[in-house]
PDB file of N, CA and C in Angstrom:
ATOM      1  N   MET A   1       2.759 -33.524  32.647  1.00  0.00           N
ATOM      2  CA  MET A   1       2.928 -33.482  31.106  1.00  0.00           C
ATOM      3  C   MET A   1       2.140 -32.150  30.311  1.00  0.00           C
ATOM      4  N   ALA A   2       1.733 -31.312  30.912  1.00  0.00           N
ATOM      5  CA  ALA A   2       1.286 -29.981  30.630  1.00  0.00           C
ATOM      6  C   ALA A   2       2.388 -29.173  30.797  1.00  0.00           C
ATOM      7  N   ASN A   3       2.822 -29.374  31.777  1.00  0.00           N
ATOM      8  CA  ASN A   3       3.923 -28.530  31.630  1.00  0.00           C
ATOM      9  C   ASN A   3       5.385 -28.836  30.655  1.00  0.00           C
ATOM     10  N   VAL A   4       5.418 -29.784  30.288  1.00  0.00           N
ATOM     11  CA  VAL A   4       5.690 -30.041  29.308  1.00  0.00           C
ATOM     12  C   VAL A   4       5.893 -29.391  27.604  1.00  0.00           C
ATOM     13  N   ILE A   5       4.481 -29.485  27.486  1.00  0.00           N
ATOM     14  CA  ILE A   5       3.543 -29.022  26.179  1.00  0.00           C
ATOM     15  C   ILE A   5       3.785 -27.296  26.395  1.00  0.00           C
ATOM     16  N   VAL A   6       3.672 -26.658  27.476  1.00  0.00           N
ATOM     17  CA  VAL A   6       4.001 -25.158  27.420  1.00  0.00           C
ATOM     18  C   VAL A   6       5.807 -24.809  27.437  1.00  0.00           C
ATOM     19  N   ASN A   7       6.264 -25.898  27.924  1.00  0.00           N
ATOM     20  CA  ASN A   7       7.711 -25.529  27.974  1.00  0.00           C
ATOM     21  C   ASN A   7       8.229 -24.938  26.379  1.00  0.00           C
ATOM     22  N   TYR A   8       7.494 -26.709  25.461  1.00  0.00           N
ATOM     23  CA  TYR A   8       8.085 -26.699  24.108  1.00  0.00           C
ATOM     24  C   TYR A   8       7.487 -25.367  23.638  1.00  0.00           C
ATOM     25  N   HIS A   9       6.126 -25.134  23.599  1.00  0.00           N
ATOM     26  CA  HIS A   9       5.379 -23.730  22.873  1.00  0.00           C
ATOM     27  C   HIS A   9       6.135 -22.591  23.240  1.00  0.00           C
ATOM     28  N   ASN A  10       6.744 -22.549  24.735  1.00  0.00           N
ATOM     29  CA  ASN A  10       7.353 -21.241  24.596  1.00  0.00           C
ATOM     30  C   ASN A  10       8.694 -21.365  24.238  1.00  0.00           C
ATOM     31  N   ARG A  11       8.953 -22.142  24.023  1.00  0.00           N
ATOM     32  CA  ARG A  11      10.884 -22.563  23.751  1.00  0.00           C
ATOM     33  C   ARG A  11      10.471 -22.109  22.212  1.00  0.00           C
ATOM     34  N   VAL A  12       9.263 -22.924  21.405  1.00  0.00           N
ATOM     35  CA  VAL A  12       9.002 -22.574  20.009  1.00  0.00           C
ATOM     36  C   VAL A  12       9.027 -20.396  19.571  1.00  0.00           C
ATOM     37  N   LEU A  13       8.007 -20.613  20.794  1.00  0.00           N
ATOM     38  CA  LEU A  13       7.890 -18.679  20.353  1.00  0.00           C
ATOM     39  C   LEU A  13       9.211 -17.887  20.928  1.00  0.00           C
ATOM     40  N   GLU A  14       9.726 -18.516  21.607  1.00  0.00           N
ATOM     41  CA  GLU A  14      11.248 -17.794  21.330  1.00  0.00           C
ATOM     42  C   GLU A  14      12.249 -17.558  20.532  1.00  0.00           C
ATOM     43  N   GLU A  15      11.815 -19.158  19.703  1.00  0.00           N
ATOM     44  CA  GLU A  15      12.968 -19.191  18.820  1.00  0.00           C
ATOM     45  C   GLU A  15      11.828 -18.157  17.548  1.00  0.00           C
ATOM     46  N   ILE A  16      10.986 -17.855  17.846  1.00  0.00           N
ATOM     47  CA  ILE A  16      10.253 -17.632  16.331  1.00  0.00           C
ATOM     48  C   ILE A  16      10.822 -16.087  16.627  1.00  0.00           C
ATOM     49  N   ASP A  17      10.473 -15.644  17.958  1.00  0.00           N
ATOM     50  CA  ASP A  17      11.036 -14.101  18.460  1.00  0.00           C
ATOM     51  C   ASP A  17      12.303 -13.869  18.216  1.00  0.00           C
ATOM     52  N   ARG A  18      13.116 -14.865  17.989  1.00  0.00           N
ATOM     53  CA  ARG A  18      15.026 -14.207  17.674  1.00  0.00           C
ATOM     54  C   ARG A  18      15.136 -14.268  16.015  1.00  0.00           C
ATOM     55  N   THR A  19      13.793 -14.871  15.495  1.00  0.00           N
ATOM     56  CA  THR A  19      14.200 -14.833  14.025  1.00  0.00           C
ATOM     57  C   THR A  19      14.234 -13.549  13.465  1.00  0.00           C
ATOM     58  N   PRO A  20      14.715 -13.210  12.372  1.00  0.00           N
ATOM     59  CA  PRO A  20      14.775 -11.815  11.503  1.00  0.00           C
ATOM     60  C   PRO A  20      13.921 -11.640  11.023  1.00  0.00           C
ATOM     61  N   VAL A  21      13.278 -10.720  10.881  1.00  0.00           N
ATOM     62  CA  VAL A  21      12.047 -10.238  10.322  1.00  0.00           C
ATOM     63  C   VAL A  21      11.815 -11.015   9.001  1.00  0.00           C
ATOM     64  N   GLU A  22      12.810 -10.403   7.970  1.00  0.00           N
ATOM     65  CA  GLU A  22      13.065 -11.228   6.607  1.00  0.00           C
ATOM     66  C   GLU A  22      12.951 -12.558   6.144  1.00  0.00           C
ATOM     67  N   TYR A  23      13.086 -13.135   7.836  1.00  0.00           N
ATOM     68  CA  TYR A  23      13.237 -14.528   7.299  1.00  0.00           C
ATOM     69  C   TYR A  23      11.449 -15.723   7.782  1.00  0.00           C
ATOM     70  N   LEU A  24      10.549 -14.337   8.456  1.00  0.00           N
ATOM     71  CA  LEU A  24       9.570 -15.173   8.936  1.00  0.00           C
ATOM     72  C   LEU A  24       8.507 -15.904   8.017  1.00  0.00           C
ATOM     73  N   PRO A  25       8.641 -15.195   6.855  1.00  0.00           N
ATOM     74  CA  PRO A  25       7.626 -15.997   5.593  1.00  0.00           C
ATOM     75  C   PRO A  25       8.080 -17.380   5.686  1.00  0.00           C
ATOM     76  N   ALA A  26       9.794 -17.765   5.294  1.00  0.00           N
ATOM     77  CA  ALA A  26      10.228 -18.923   4.842  1.00  0.00           C
ATOM     78  C   ALA A  26      10.286 -19.699   6.291  1.00  0.00           C
ATOM     79  N   LEU A  27       9.996 -19.342   7.331  1.00  0.00           N
ATOM     80  CA  LEU A  27       9.966 -19.970   8.828  1.00  0.00           C
ATOM     81  C   LEU A  27       8.292 -20.352   8.608  1.00  0.00           C
ATOM     82  N   LEU A  28       7.520 -19.647   8.080  1.00  0.00           N
ATOM     83  CA  LEU A  28       5.893 -19.679   8.109  1.00  0.00           C
ATOM     84  C   LEU A  28       5.479 -21.078   7.277  1.00  0.00           C
ATOM     85  N   GLN A  29       6.143 -21.162   6.194  1.00  0.00           N
ATOM     86  CA  GLN A  29       6.413 -21.767   5.158  1.00  0.00           C
ATOM     87  C   GLN A  29       6.908 -23.488   5.781  1.00  0.00           C
ATOM     88  N   LEU A  30       7.720 -23.364   6.042  1.00  0.00           N
ATOM     89  CA  LEU A  30       8.646 -24.328   6.992  1.00  0.00           C
ATOM     90  C   LEU A  30       7.618 -25.111   7.958  1.00  0.00           C
ATOM     91  N   ILE A  31       7.337 -24.492   9.244  1.00  0.00           N
ATOM     92  CA  ILE A  31       6.129 -24.916   9.668  1.00  0.00           C
ATOM     93  C   ILE A  31       4.726 -25.660   8.982  1.00  0.00           C
ATOM     94  N   HIS A  32       4.277 -24.792   8.155  1.00  0.00           N
ATOM     95  CA  HIS A  32       3.114 -25.408   7.459  1.00  0.00           C
ATOM     96  C   HIS A  32       3.342 -26.891   6.771  1.00  0.00           C
ATOM     97  N   VAL A  33       4.339 -26.791   6.192  1.00  0.00           N
ATOM     98  CA  VAL A  33       5.165 -27.785   5.540  1.00  0.00           C
ATOM     99  C   VAL A  33       5.347 -29.083   6.491  1.00  0.00           C
ATOM    100  N   PHE A  34       5.924 -28.517   7.495  1.00  0.00           N
ATOM    101  CA  PHE A  34       5.997 -29.754   8.370  1.00  0.00           C
ATOM    102  C   PHE A  34       4.811 -30.311   9.201  1.00  0.00           C
ATOM    103  N   ARG A  35       4.165 -29.245   9.489  1.00  0.00           N
ATOM    104  CA  ARG A  35       2.531 -29.854  10.469  1.00  0.00           C
ATOM    105  C   ARG A  35       1.846 -30.941   9.336  1.00  0.00           C
ATOM    106  N   GLU A  36       1.770 -30.422   8.041  1.00  0.00           N
ATOM    107  CA  GLU A  36       1.050 -31.374   7.157  1.00  0.00           C
ATOM    108  C   GLU A  36       1.746 -32.751   6.815  1.00  0.00           C
ATOM    109  N   SER A  37       2.876 -32.432   6.923  1.00  0.00           N
ATOM    110  CA  SER A  37       3.656 -34.175   6.467  1.00  0.00           C
ATOM    111  C   SER A  37       3.266 -34.676   7.863  1.00  0.00           C
ATOM    112  N   ILE A  38       3.327 -34.493   8.728  1.00  0.00           N
ATOM    113  CA  ILE A  38       2.614 -35.293  10.119  1.00  0.00           C
ATOM    114  C   ILE A  38       1.311 -35.274  10.533  1.00  0.00           C
ATOM    115  N   SER A  39       0.206 -34.848   9.758  1.00  0.00           N
ATOM    116  CA  SER A  39      -0.984 -34.735   9.982  1.00  0.00           C
ATOM    117  C   SER A  39      -1.438 -35.883   8.957  1.00  0.00           C
ATOM    118  N   LEU A  40      -2.596 -36.599   9.732  1.00  0.00           N
ATOM    119  CA  LEU A  40      -3.203 -37.341   8.860  1.00  0.00           C
ATOM    120  C   LEU A  40      -4.368 -37.068   8.015  1.00  0.00           C
ATOM    121  N   LYS A  41      -4.263 -37.808   6.669  1.00  0.00           N
ATOM    122  CA  LYS A  41      -5.261 -36.916   5.688  1.00  0.00           C
ATOM    123  C   LYS A  41      -6.931 -38.122   6.456  1.00  0.00           C
ATOM    124  N   SER A  42      -7.821 -37.085   5.967  1.00  0.00           N
ATOM    125  CA  SER A  42      -9.048 -37.852   6.520  1.00  0.00           C
ATOM    126  C   SER A  42      -9.038 -39.139   5.453  1.00  0.00           C
ATOM    127  N   ALA A  43     -10.433 -39.862   5.660  1.00  0.00           N
ATOM    128  CA  ALA A  43     -10.178 -41.098   4.938  1.00  0.00           C
ATOM    129  C   ALA A  43     -10.877 -41.025   3.880  1.00  0.00           C
ATOM    130  N   ASP A  44     -11.517 -39.914   3.524  1.00  0.00           N
ATOM    131  CA  ASP A  44     -11.764 -39.238   2.011  1.00  0.00           C
ATOM    132  C   ASP A  44     -10.462 -38.970   1.267  1.00  0.00           C
ATOM    133  N   GLU A  45      -9.907 -38.005   1.822  1.00  0.00           N
ATOM    134  CA  GLU A  45      -9.034 -37.923   1.104  1.00  0.00           C
ATOM    135  C   GLU A  45      -7.696 -38.743   0.951  1.00  0.00           C
ATOM    136  N   SER A  46      -7.614 -39.805   1.508  1.00  0.00           N
ATOM    137  CA  SER A  46      -6.760 -41.004   1.521  1.00  0.00           C
ATOM    138  C   SER A  46      -7.722 -41.163   0.519  1.00  0.00           C
ATOM    139  N   PHE A  47      -8.694 -41.704   0.190  1.00  0.00           N
ATOM    140  CA  PHE A  47      -9.177 -42.501  -0.549  1.00  0.00           C
ATOM    141  C   PHE A  47      -9.281 -42.064  -2.024  1.00  0.00           C
ATOM    142  N   GLN A  48      -9.528 -40.780  -2.279  1.00  0.00           N
ATOM    143  CA  GLN A  48      -9.179 -40.158  -3.341  1.00  0.00           C
ATOM    144  C   GLN A  48      -7.705 -40.263  -3.687  1.00  0.00           C
ATOM    145  N   GLN A  49      -6.808 -39.483  -3.145  1.00  0.00           N
ATOM    146  CA  GLN A  49      -5.155 -39.895  -3.584  1.00  0.00           C
ATOM    147  C   GLN A  49      -5.004 -41.554  -3.787  1.00  0.00           C
ATOM    148  N   GLY A  50      -5.646 -42.554  -3.376  1.00  0.00           N
ATOM    149  CA  GLY A  50      -5.303 -43.846  -4.003  1.00  0.00           C
ATOM    150  C   GLY A  50      -6.016 -44.202  -4.703  1.00  0.00           C
ATOM    151  N   TRP A  51      -6.899 -43.533  -5.284  1.00  0.00           N
ATOM    152  CA  TRP A  51      -7.444 -43.941  -6.240  1.00  0.00           C
ATOM    153  C   TRP A  51      -6.876 -43.382  -7.462  1.00  0.00           C
ATOM    154  N   LYS A  52      -6.408 -41.967  -7.595  1.00  0.00           N
ATOM    155  CA  LYS A  52      -5.938 -41.245  -8.653  1.00  0.00           C
ATOM    156  C   LYS A  52      -4.770 -42.287  -8.737  1.00  0.00           C
ATOM    157  N   GLU A  53      -3.889 -42.490  -8.059  1.00  0.00           N
ATOM    158  CA  GLU A  53      -2.745 -43.659  -8.064  1.00  0.00           C
ATOM    159  C   GLU A  53      -2.847 -45.269  -8.599  1.00  0.00           C
ATOM    160  N   VAL A  54      -4.425 -45.741  -8.486  1.00  0.00           N
ATOM    161  CA  VAL A  54      -5.219 -46.324  -9.134  1.00  0.00           C
ATOM    162  C   VAL A  54      -5.079 -46.329 -10.650  1.00  0.00           C
ATOM    163  N   LEU A  55      -6.240 -45.042 -10.975  1.00  0.00           N
ATOM    164  CA  LEU A  55      -6.297 -44.841 -12.354  1.00  0.00           C
ATOM    165  C   LEU A  55      -4.519 -44.327 -13.202  1.00  0.00           C
ATOM    166  N   ARG A  56      -3.535 -43.864 -12.483  1.00  0.00           N
ATOM    167  CA  ARG A  56      -2.189 -43.748 -12.870  1.00  0.00           C
ATOM    168  C   ARG A  56      -1.287 -45.268 -13.009  1.00  0.00           C
ATOM    169  N   GLU A  57      -1.980 -46.065 -12.541  1.00  0.00           N
ATOM    170  CA  GLU A  57      -1.237 -47.091 -12.165  1.00  0.00           C
ATOM    171  C   GLU A  57       0.163 -47.452 -11.616  1.00  0.00           C
ATOM    172  N   GLU A  58      -0.041 -46.450 -10.461  1.00  0.00           N
ATOM    173  CA  GLU A  58       0.930 -46.295  -9.632  1.00  0.00           C
ATOM    174  C   GLU A  58       0.643 -47.455  -8.479  1.00  0.00           C
ATOM    175  N   THR A  59       0.599 -48.257  -8.769  1.00  0.00           N
ATOM    176  CA  THR A  59       0.194 -49.543  -7.541  1.00  0.00           C
ATOM    177  C   THR A  59       1.700 -50.496  -7.700  1.00  0.00           C
ATOM    178  N   ILE A  60       1.946 -51.469  -6.531  1.00  0.00           N
ATOM    179  CA  ILE A  60       2.725 -52.627  -6.234  1.00  0.00           C
ATOM    180  C   ILE A  60       1.960 -53.644  -5.908  1.00  0.00           C
ATOM    181  N   PRO A  61       2.143 -54.862  -6.562  1.00  0.00           N
ATOM    182  CA  PRO A  61       1.252 -55.770  -6.680  1.00  0.00           C
ATOM    183  C   PRO A  61       1.641 -56.102  -5.009  1.00  0.00           C
ATOM    184  N   VAL A  62       0.253 -56.591  -4.470  1.00  0.00           N
ATOM    185  CA  VAL A  62       0.551 -57.476  -2.903  1.00  0.00           C
ATOM    186  C   VAL A  62       2.001 -58.756  -3.244  1.00  0.00           C
ATOM    187  N   SER A  63       2.034 -59.038  -3.716  1.00  0.00           N
ATOM    188  CA  SER A  63       3.003 -60.366  -3.780  1.00  0.00           C
ATOM    189  C   SER A  63       4.533 -59.537  -3.668  1.00  0.00           C
ATOM    190  N   GLU A  64       4.445 -58.465  -3.979  1.00  0.00           N
ATOM    191  CA  GLU A  64       5.937 -57.192  -3.860  1.00  0.00           C
ATOM    192  C   GLU A  64       5.987 -56.225  -2.073  1.00  0.00           C
ATOM    193  N   LEU A  65       4.679 -56.351  -1.954  1.00  0.00           N
ATOM    194  CA  LEU A  65       4.460 -55.410  -0.527  1.00  0.00           C
ATOM    195  C   LEU A  65       5.669 -55.351   0.197  1.00  0.00           C
ATOM    196  N   TRP A  66       6.106 -57.012   0.670  1.00  0.00           N
ATOM    197  CA  TRP A  66       6.770 -57.307   1.511  1.00  0.00           C
ATOM    198  C   TRP A  66       8.116 -57.004   1.569  1.00  0.00           C
ATOM    199  N   ASP A  67       8.209 -57.049   0.158  1.00  0.00           N
ATOM    200  CA  ASP A  67      10.039 -57.100  -0.403  1.00  0.00           C
ATOM    201  C   ASP A  67      10.795 -56.410   0.281  1.00  0.00           C
ATOM    202  N   ASN A  68      11.985 -57.155   0.820  1.00  0.00           N
ATOM    203  CA  ASN A  68      12.846 -55.679   1.770  1.00  0.00           C
ATOM    204  C   ASN A  68      12.649 -55.210   2.762  1.00  0.00           C
ATOM    205  N   ILE A  69      11.445 -55.874   3.302  1.00  0.00           N
ATOM    206  CA  ILE A  69      11.168 -55.077   4.785  1.00  0.00           C
ATOM    207  C   ILE A  69      11.840 -56.338   5.579  1.00  0.00           C
ATOM    208  N   GLY A  70      12.770 -54.918   6.309  1.00  0.00           N
ATOM    209  CA  GLY A  70      13.514 -55.839   7.223  1.00  0.00           C
ATOM    210  C   GLY A  70      14.595 -56.134   6.770  1.00  0.00           C
ATOM    211  N   ALA A  71      15.267 -56.180   5.622  1.00  0.00           N
ATOM    212  CA  ALA A  71      16.277 -56.695   4.973  1.00  0.00           C
ATOM    213  C   ALA A  71      17.005 -56.013   5.626  1.00  0.00           C
ATOM    214  N   GLU A  72      18.557 -56.119   5.771  1.00  0.00           N
ATOM    215  CA  GLU A  72      20.184 -55.403   6.258  1.00  0.00           C
ATOM    216  C   GLU A  72      20.509 -55.648   5.338  1.00  0.00           C
TER     217      GLU A  72
END
């Protein structure tokens, strides 16, 4: 498993090395946004976000939560 991780790490670094310098800021932003999108927020951050949504009345009734789940 460690070899697979090292391989991916090396491949990512190789792609970065092949990227023209003028595109590195955009690449950095893409990587940052991607990492943030896959990272879990802390319980505190999740609660704060949820509370803000409640205050803005951005909620879904429990009775509707499962509507269209698995529908094809």
